[in-house]
Amino acid sequence: MAVIRSVIRGVGAHLPKRVVTNDDLSKIVDTTDEWIVERSGIRSRHIAGDDELTSDLGIAAARQALVRAGIDPVDIDLVICATATPDKTFPATAVRIQHGLGITKGAAFDVQAVCSGFIYAMTVADNFLKSGQFVRALVIGAETFSRILDWSDRSTCVLFGDGAGAVVLEAQPQHGNRDDRGILSTTIRSDGRFEDLLYVDGGPGSTKTVGHLRMNGREVFRHAVQKISGVIEETLVATGYAADEIDLYVPHQANARILDGIAKKLGVSPDKIMMTLSRHGNTSAASIPLALAAAVDEHKVKEGKLVLMEAMGGGFTWGAVLARW
């Protein structure tokens, strides 16, 4: 029986020009390159300039995705931006991206699930496309996390960076079996009991300020391995695939030890885990599409291949998306 699937037509990425190395950070905070690499695997990150907004990064990534997809911006009827660092309290950053691309039809809105934001946004877009309400969606993960960091806190400021990634999805008829192209499964979860382990200590409705990121790294690490592994296993059970049948895992790029722990728990080769955090750092909602774009550039993703994207973020939120390229 024919079904509608959300097929990935193109992927794009954009990073600010300014690169900050671990040695650069050692000049402003008590840390070393060795300390950062040992604990996170991160060697450098990109930081947005004062004149660069989250929407600017998102527009650049979206334009590249559209060019690679061979789709004109006017043919997009849904724009969703996953971000925890919007340009303004309102309007949504997605609306500003929509305008920047010259799109005047359809709908545009933001999704806020922190590091899981791109997974949530893909899930929302997939459901809209499968329902027939929209035909082509632009899903963007864009962040300027440098704006919410406490640059005197070496436990957090060394981990994050700025950037954006984007994916063009198109509703296409498929056969309705496991060989279909497009998104085959989406799973999103949350549990607010763990809010105080990873959060920002400000907001317009509470302190009337932006605030800074705060994190209990040890507990976040423990939950990340458990929850991401769990949602991957849930996805595999739902689709009938074995862990080693997945061609590439594209996880949220938070910490190399977390990614190694997930690979070990699933029993899959580290070669199947896409890793870009050594040069990007943790870019929150942008990390999966940035890693996905890198995988395409490095020819690790080809038509017919199975790609499993997964993440966990503040809230806690977590989830996974399985797609056939």
Protein backbone atom coordinates (compact mmCIF):
# COMPACT_ATOMS: atom_id res chain seq x y z
CA MET A 1 0.00 0.00 0.00
CA ALA A 2 1.41 3.39 -1.01
CA VAL A 3 2.26 5.82 1.77
CA ILE A 4 3.73 9.32 1.96
CA ARG A 5 7.27 9.58 3.31
CA SER A 6 9.36 12.66 4.08
CA VAL A 7 12.39 12.25 1.81
CA ILE A 8 15.61 14.15 2.49
CA ARG A 9 16.38 16.12 -0.67
CA GLY A 10 19.32 18.23 0.51
CA VAL A 11 21.49 19.14 3.49
CA GLY A 12 23.35 22.37 4.21
CA ALA A 13 25.64 23.79 6.88
CA HIS A 14 27.16 27.08 7.94
CA LEU A 15 29.76 27.96 10.56
CA PRO A 16 30.97 31.40 11.67
CA LYS A 17 34.41 32.35 10.37
CA ARG A 18 35.94 32.86 13.81
CA VAL A 19 37.56 29.68 15.15
CA VAL A 20 38.49 29.48 18.84
CA THR A 21 40.95 26.76 19.81
CA ASN A 22 41.47 25.22 23.23
CA ASP A 23 44.73 27.14 23.49
CA ASP A 24 42.81 30.35 22.85
CA LEU A 25 40.48 29.51 25.73
CA SER A 26 43.40 28.77 28.04
CA LYS A 27 44.22 32.49 27.86
CA ILE A 28 40.88 33.56 29.34
CA VAL A 29 39.97 30.69 31.68
CA ASP A 30 41.91 28.21 33.83
CA THR A 31 42.13 25.29 31.41
CA THR A 32 44.44 23.54 28.95
CA ASP A 33 44.10 21.86 25.58
CA GLU A 34 44.89 18.50 27.22
CA TRP A 35 42.22 18.97 29.90
CA ILE A 36 39.50 19.80 27.37
CA VAL A 37 40.41 17.04 24.89
CA GLU A 38 40.61 14.39 27.60
CA ARG A 39 37.19 15.25 29.02
CA SER A 40 35.27 16.05 25.86
CA GLY A 41 37.22 15.32 22.66
CA ILE A 42 36.78 18.96 21.57
CA ARG A 43 39.74 20.80 20.04
CA SER A 44 38.10 23.90 18.57
CA ARG A 45 34.75 25.60 18.01
CA HIS A 46 33.30 28.41 15.89
CA ILE A 47 32.04 31.57 17.59
CA ALA A 48 29.63 34.03 15.97
CA GLY A 49 30.73 37.61 15.52
CA ASP A 50 28.89 40.48 17.17
CA ASP A 51 27.14 41.20 13.86
CA GLU A 52 26.03 37.58 13.29
CA LEU A 53 22.60 36.46 14.44
CA THR A 54 21.18 32.97 14.81
CA SER A 55 18.94 33.72 11.83
CA ASP A 56 21.95 34.72 9.72
CA LEU A 57 23.56 31.33 10.34
CA GLY A 58 20.26 29.58 9.65
CA ILE A 59 19.69 31.44 6.38
CA ALA A 60 23.16 30.54 5.11
CA ALA A 61 22.72 26.84 5.98
CA ALA A 62 19.24 26.81 4.45
CA ARG A 63 20.45 28.34 1.20
CA GLN A 64 23.08 25.65 0.82
CA ALA A 65 20.53 22.91 1.55
CA LEU A 66 18.14 24.35 -1.05
CA VAL A 67 20.87 24.56 -3.71
CA ARG A 68 21.93 20.98 -3.05
CA ALA A 69 18.30 19.87 -3.19
CA GLY A 70 17.73 21.73 -6.45
CA ILE A 71 14.67 23.40 -4.96
CA ASP A 72 13.75 27.07 -5.19
CA PRO A 73 12.93 28.79 -1.87
CA VAL A 74 9.48 29.75 -3.19
CA ASP A 75 8.61 26.05 -3.37
CA ILE A 76 9.03 25.64 0.40
CA ASP A 77 5.77 25.82 2.33
CA LEU A 78 6.97 25.00 5.86
CA VAL A 79 9.96 26.40 7.78
CA ILE A 80 10.82 25.06 11.24
CA CYS A 81 13.84 26.31 13.17
CA ALA A 82 15.11 24.40 16.18
CA THR A 83 16.94 26.82 18.48
CA ALA A 84 17.44 27.68 22.14
CA THR A 85 19.14 30.96 21.22
CA PRO A 86 16.62 32.89 19.11
CA ASP A 87 17.36 36.34 17.72
CA LYS A 88 14.56 37.82 19.80
CA THR A 89 11.97 36.67 22.32
CA PHE A 90 9.62 37.04 19.38
CA PRO A 91 9.04 36.82 16.46
CA ALA A 92 10.27 33.28 15.87
CA THR A 93 13.69 32.97 14.30
CA ALA A 94 12.05 30.73 11.68
CA VAL A 95 9.95 33.69 10.49
CA ARG A 96 13.09 35.79 10.06
CA ILE A 97 14.73 32.94 8.11
CA GLN A 98 11.59 32.58 6.01
CA HIS A 99 11.72 36.29 5.16
CA GLY A 100 15.46 36.19 4.50
CA LEU A 101 14.92 33.44 1.93
CA GLY A 102 12.08 35.31 0.22
CA ILE A 103 9.41 32.78 1.21
CA THR A 104 5.96 34.34 1.67
CA LYS A 105 3.64 31.34 1.82
CA GLY A 106 2.97 28.52 4.24
CA ALA A 107 4.03 28.60 7.89
CA ALA A 108 7.18 29.22 9.91
CA PHE A 109 7.80 28.65 13.62
CA ASP A 110 10.46 27.67 16.15
CA VAL A 111 10.83 24.46 18.16
CA GLN A 112 12.65 24.62 21.51
CA ALA A 113 13.96 21.33 22.84
CA VAL A 114 17.59 22.44 23.31
CA CYS A 115 20.03 19.81 22.00
CA SER A 116 17.14 17.55 20.93
CA GLY A 117 15.58 20.42 19.00
CA PHE A 118 16.50 19.20 15.54
CA ILE A 119 15.05 15.75 16.24
CA TYR A 120 11.85 17.35 17.51
CA ALA A 121 11.70 19.68 14.48
CA MET A 122 12.21 16.79 12.04
CA THR A 123 9.45 14.88 13.81
CA VAL A 124 7.04 17.81 13.57
CA ALA A 125 7.84 18.39 9.90
CA ASP A 126 7.48 14.70 9.10
CA ASN A 127 4.01 14.59 10.61
CA PHE A 128 2.91 17.68 8.68
CA LEU A 129 4.19 16.26 5.41
CA LYS A 130 2.69 12.81 5.96
CA SER A 131 -0.68 14.40 6.72
CA GLY A 132 -0.65 16.20 3.37
CA GLN A 133 -0.85 19.66 4.92
CA PHE A 134 2.50 20.69 3.42
CA VAL A 135 4.67 19.36 0.58
CA ARG A 136 8.20 20.68 1.18
CA ALA A 137 9.73 21.60 4.51
CA LEU A 138 12.92 23.35 5.49
CA VAL A 139 14.12 22.13 8.89
CA ILE A 140 16.94 24.12 10.47
CA GLY A 141 19.00 23.76 13.63
CA ALA A 142 20.72 27.06 14.43
CA GLU A 143 22.45 28.26 17.58
CA THR A 144 24.60 31.06 18.98
CA PHE A 145 25.27 29.33 22.29
CA SER A 146 28.27 31.58 22.91
CA ARG A 147 25.74 34.27 23.91
CA ILE A 148 24.49 32.29 26.92
CA LEU A 149 27.80 30.97 28.25
CA ASP A 150 29.48 32.04 31.47
CA TRP A 151 33.00 32.56 30.14
CA SER A 152 34.44 32.27 33.64
CA ASP A 153 33.04 28.73 34.08
CA ARG A 154 35.59 26.35 32.57
CA SER A 155 33.29 23.36 33.00
CA THR A 156 30.82 24.72 30.42
CA CYS A 157 32.35 27.49 28.29
CA VAL A 158 34.87 25.11 26.70
CA LEU A 159 32.17 22.75 25.43
CA PHE A 160 29.94 24.83 23.19
CA GLY A 161 30.10 26.54 19.81
CA ASP A 162 27.91 28.29 17.25
CA GLY A 163 26.63 27.13 13.87
CA ALA A 164 23.66 26.02 11.79
CA GLY A 165 22.58 23.10 9.67
CA ALA A 166 19.51 22.59 7.50
CA VAL A 167 17.63 19.81 5.74
CA VAL A 168 15.08 20.00 2.92
CA LEU A 169 12.29 17.44 3.21
CA GLU A 170 9.80 16.60 0.48
CA ALA A 171 6.63 14.51 0.71
CA GLN A 172 6.90 11.64 -1.77
CA PRO A 173 4.82 8.48 -2.32
CA GLN A 174 6.59 5.28 -1.31
CA HIS A 175 5.61 1.61 -1.17
CA GLY A 176 5.04 1.45 2.58
CA ASN A 177 7.74 -1.07 3.46
CA ARG A 178 11.16 -1.08 5.11
CA ASP A 179 12.88 -0.40 1.78
CA ASP A 180 11.21 3.00 1.41
CA ARG A 181 13.27 6.15 1.09
CA GLY A 182 12.66 8.94 3.59
CA ILE A 183 11.88 9.07 7.29
CA LEU A 184 10.89 5.61 8.52
CA SER A 185 10.50 6.29 12.24
CA THR A 186 10.49 9.17 14.73
CA THR A 187 10.52 8.99 18.51
CA ILE A 188 10.57 11.93 20.94
CA ARG A 189 10.55 11.83 24.73
CA SER A 190 10.94 14.19 27.71
CA ASP A 191 11.08 14.10 31.51
CA GLY A 192 10.97 17.42 33.37
CA ARG A 193 12.16 15.91 36.65
CA PHE A 194 15.75 16.49 35.48
CA GLU A 195 15.43 20.17 34.64
CA ASP A 196 17.95 21.29 37.26
CA LEU A 197 20.76 19.17 35.75
CA LEU A 198 21.00 21.27 32.57
CA TYR A 199 19.38 24.68 32.28
CA VAL A 200 19.83 28.43 31.78
CA ASP A 201 19.44 30.50 34.95
CA GLY A 202 17.40 33.26 33.35
CA GLY A 203 14.50 34.10 31.07
CA PRO A 204 11.99 36.87 30.33
CA GLY A 205 9.29 35.22 32.43
CA SER A 206 11.49 34.70 35.50
CA THR A 207 14.57 36.91 35.89
CA LYS A 208 13.88 39.23 32.93
CA THR A 209 17.40 38.44 31.77
CA VAL A 210 18.96 36.04 29.27
CA GLY A 211 20.91 34.12 31.92
CA HIS A 212 23.78 31.64 31.59
CA LEU A 213 23.98 27.92 30.95
CA ARG A 214 24.42 25.72 34.04
CA MET A 215 25.14 21.99 33.97
CA ASN A 216 25.83 19.04 36.23
CA GLY A 217 28.18 17.34 33.80
CA ARG A 218 28.54 14.02 35.60
CA GLU A 219 24.78 13.43 35.82
CA VAL A 220 24.12 14.65 32.30
CA PHE A 221 26.73 12.19 31.00
CA ARG A 222 25.09 9.29 32.83
CA HIS A 223 21.61 10.12 31.57
CA ALA A 224 22.79 10.81 28.02
CA VAL A 225 24.28 7.36 27.47
CA GLN A 226 21.26 5.67 29.02
CA LYS A 227 18.55 7.68 27.30
CA ILE A 228 20.12 7.91 23.85
CA SER A 229 20.92 4.18 23.81
CA GLY A 230 17.38 3.49 24.97
CA VAL A 231 15.69 5.52 22.26
CA ILE A 232 17.94 3.93 19.61
CA GLU A 233 16.92 0.47 20.80
CA GLU A 234 13.27 1.57 20.82
CA THR A 235 13.61 2.74 17.21
CA LEU A 236 15.26 -0.51 16.13
CA VAL A 237 12.51 -2.59 17.71
CA ALA A 238 9.82 -0.45 16.07
CA THR A 239 11.35 -0.79 12.60
CA GLY A 240 12.70 -4.34 12.83
CA TYR A 241 16.31 -3.44 12.12
CA ALA A 242 19.34 -4.71 14.01
CA ALA A 243 21.91 -2.21 15.31
CA ASP A 244 24.53 -3.39 12.80
CA GLU A 245 22.13 -2.89 9.87
CA ILE A 246 22.25 0.87 10.36
CA ASP A 247 24.81 2.31 7.96
CA LEU A 248 25.54 5.49 9.91
CA TYR A 249 24.65 6.88 13.33
CA VAL A 250 24.55 10.68 13.47
CA PRO A 251 24.22 11.59 17.16
CA HIS A 252 24.11 14.95 18.89
CA GLN A 253 27.73 16.03 19.24
CA ALA A 254 28.07 16.65 22.97
CA ASN A 255 31.01 14.65 24.24
CA ALA A 256 33.29 12.02 22.68
CA ARG A 257 33.01 9.82 25.74
CA ILE A 258 29.22 9.83 25.47
CA LEU A 259 29.43 8.78 21.82
CA ASP A 260 31.95 6.05 22.63
CA GLY A 261 29.71 4.84 25.46
CA ILE A 262 26.70 4.63 23.14
CA ALA A 263 28.68 2.68 20.52
CA LYS A 264 29.89 0.24 23.17
CA LYS A 265 26.42 -0.22 24.66
CA LEU A 266 24.91 -0.92 21.23
CA GLY A 267 27.80 -3.12 20.16
CA VAL A 268 28.44 -1.20 16.94
CA SER A 269 31.73 -0.17 15.40
CA PRO A 270 32.93 3.35 16.25
CA ASP A 271 33.41 3.78 12.48
CA LYS A 272 29.62 3.91 12.17
CA ILE A 273 29.35 6.86 14.57
CA MET A 274 29.66 10.24 12.84
CA MET A 275 31.78 12.58 14.95
CA THR A 276 32.44 16.26 14.24
CA LEU A 277 32.58 17.70 17.77
CA SER A 278 36.40 17.85 17.78
CA ARG A 279 36.17 20.80 15.37
CA HIS A 280 32.67 22.15 16.11
CA GLY A 281 32.15 21.56 19.83
CA ASN A 282 28.59 21.16 21.09
CA THR A 283 26.36 23.30 18.86
CA SER A 284 23.12 22.13 20.51
CA ALA A 285 20.25 21.92 17.97
CA ALA A 286 22.69 22.59 15.13
CA SER A 287 24.97 19.65 15.89
CA ILE A 288 23.06 16.86 14.11
CA PRO A 289 22.46 18.72 10.82
CA LEU A 290 26.08 19.97 10.87
CA ALA A 291 27.29 16.39 11.34
CA LEU A 292 24.86 15.18 8.67
CA ALA A 293 26.19 17.75 6.19
CA ALA A 294 29.75 16.67 7.00
CA ALA A 295 28.79 13.02 6.42
CA VAL A 296 27.41 13.92 3.00
CA ASP A 297 30.55 15.90 2.12
CA GLU A 298 32.73 12.97 3.21
CA HIS A 299 30.63 10.53 1.13
CA LYS A 300 29.57 8.56 4.18
CA VAL A 301 25.92 8.86 3.18
CA LYS A 302 24.64 7.60 -0.16
CA GLU A 303 21.23 6.83 -1.61
CA GLY A 304 19.66 3.76 -0.02
CA LYS A 305 21.72 3.97 3.18
CA LEU A 306 20.08 3.92 6.62
CA VAL A 307 20.87 6.90 8.84
CA LEU A 308 19.87 7.07 12.50
CA MET A 309 19.94 10.50 14.16
CA GLU A 310 19.61 10.77 17.94
CA ALA A 311 19.99 13.35 20.71
CA MET A 312 19.40 14.31 24.33
CA GLY A 313 19.09 17.85 25.65
CA GLY A 314 18.01 19.98 28.58
CA GLY A 315 14.60 19.25 29.97
CA PHE A 316 15.47 16.41 29.69
CA THR A 317 14.36 15.88 26.11
CA TRP A 318 15.57 13.10 23.84
CA GLY A 319 14.63 11.32 20.65
CA ALA A 320 15.64 9.65 17.40
CA VAL A 321 14.85 9.77 13.69
CA LEU A 322 15.58 6.89 11.32
CA ALA A 323 15.71 7.68 7.61
CA ARG A 324 16.72 5.94 4.42
CA TRP A 325 18.68 8.23 2.15
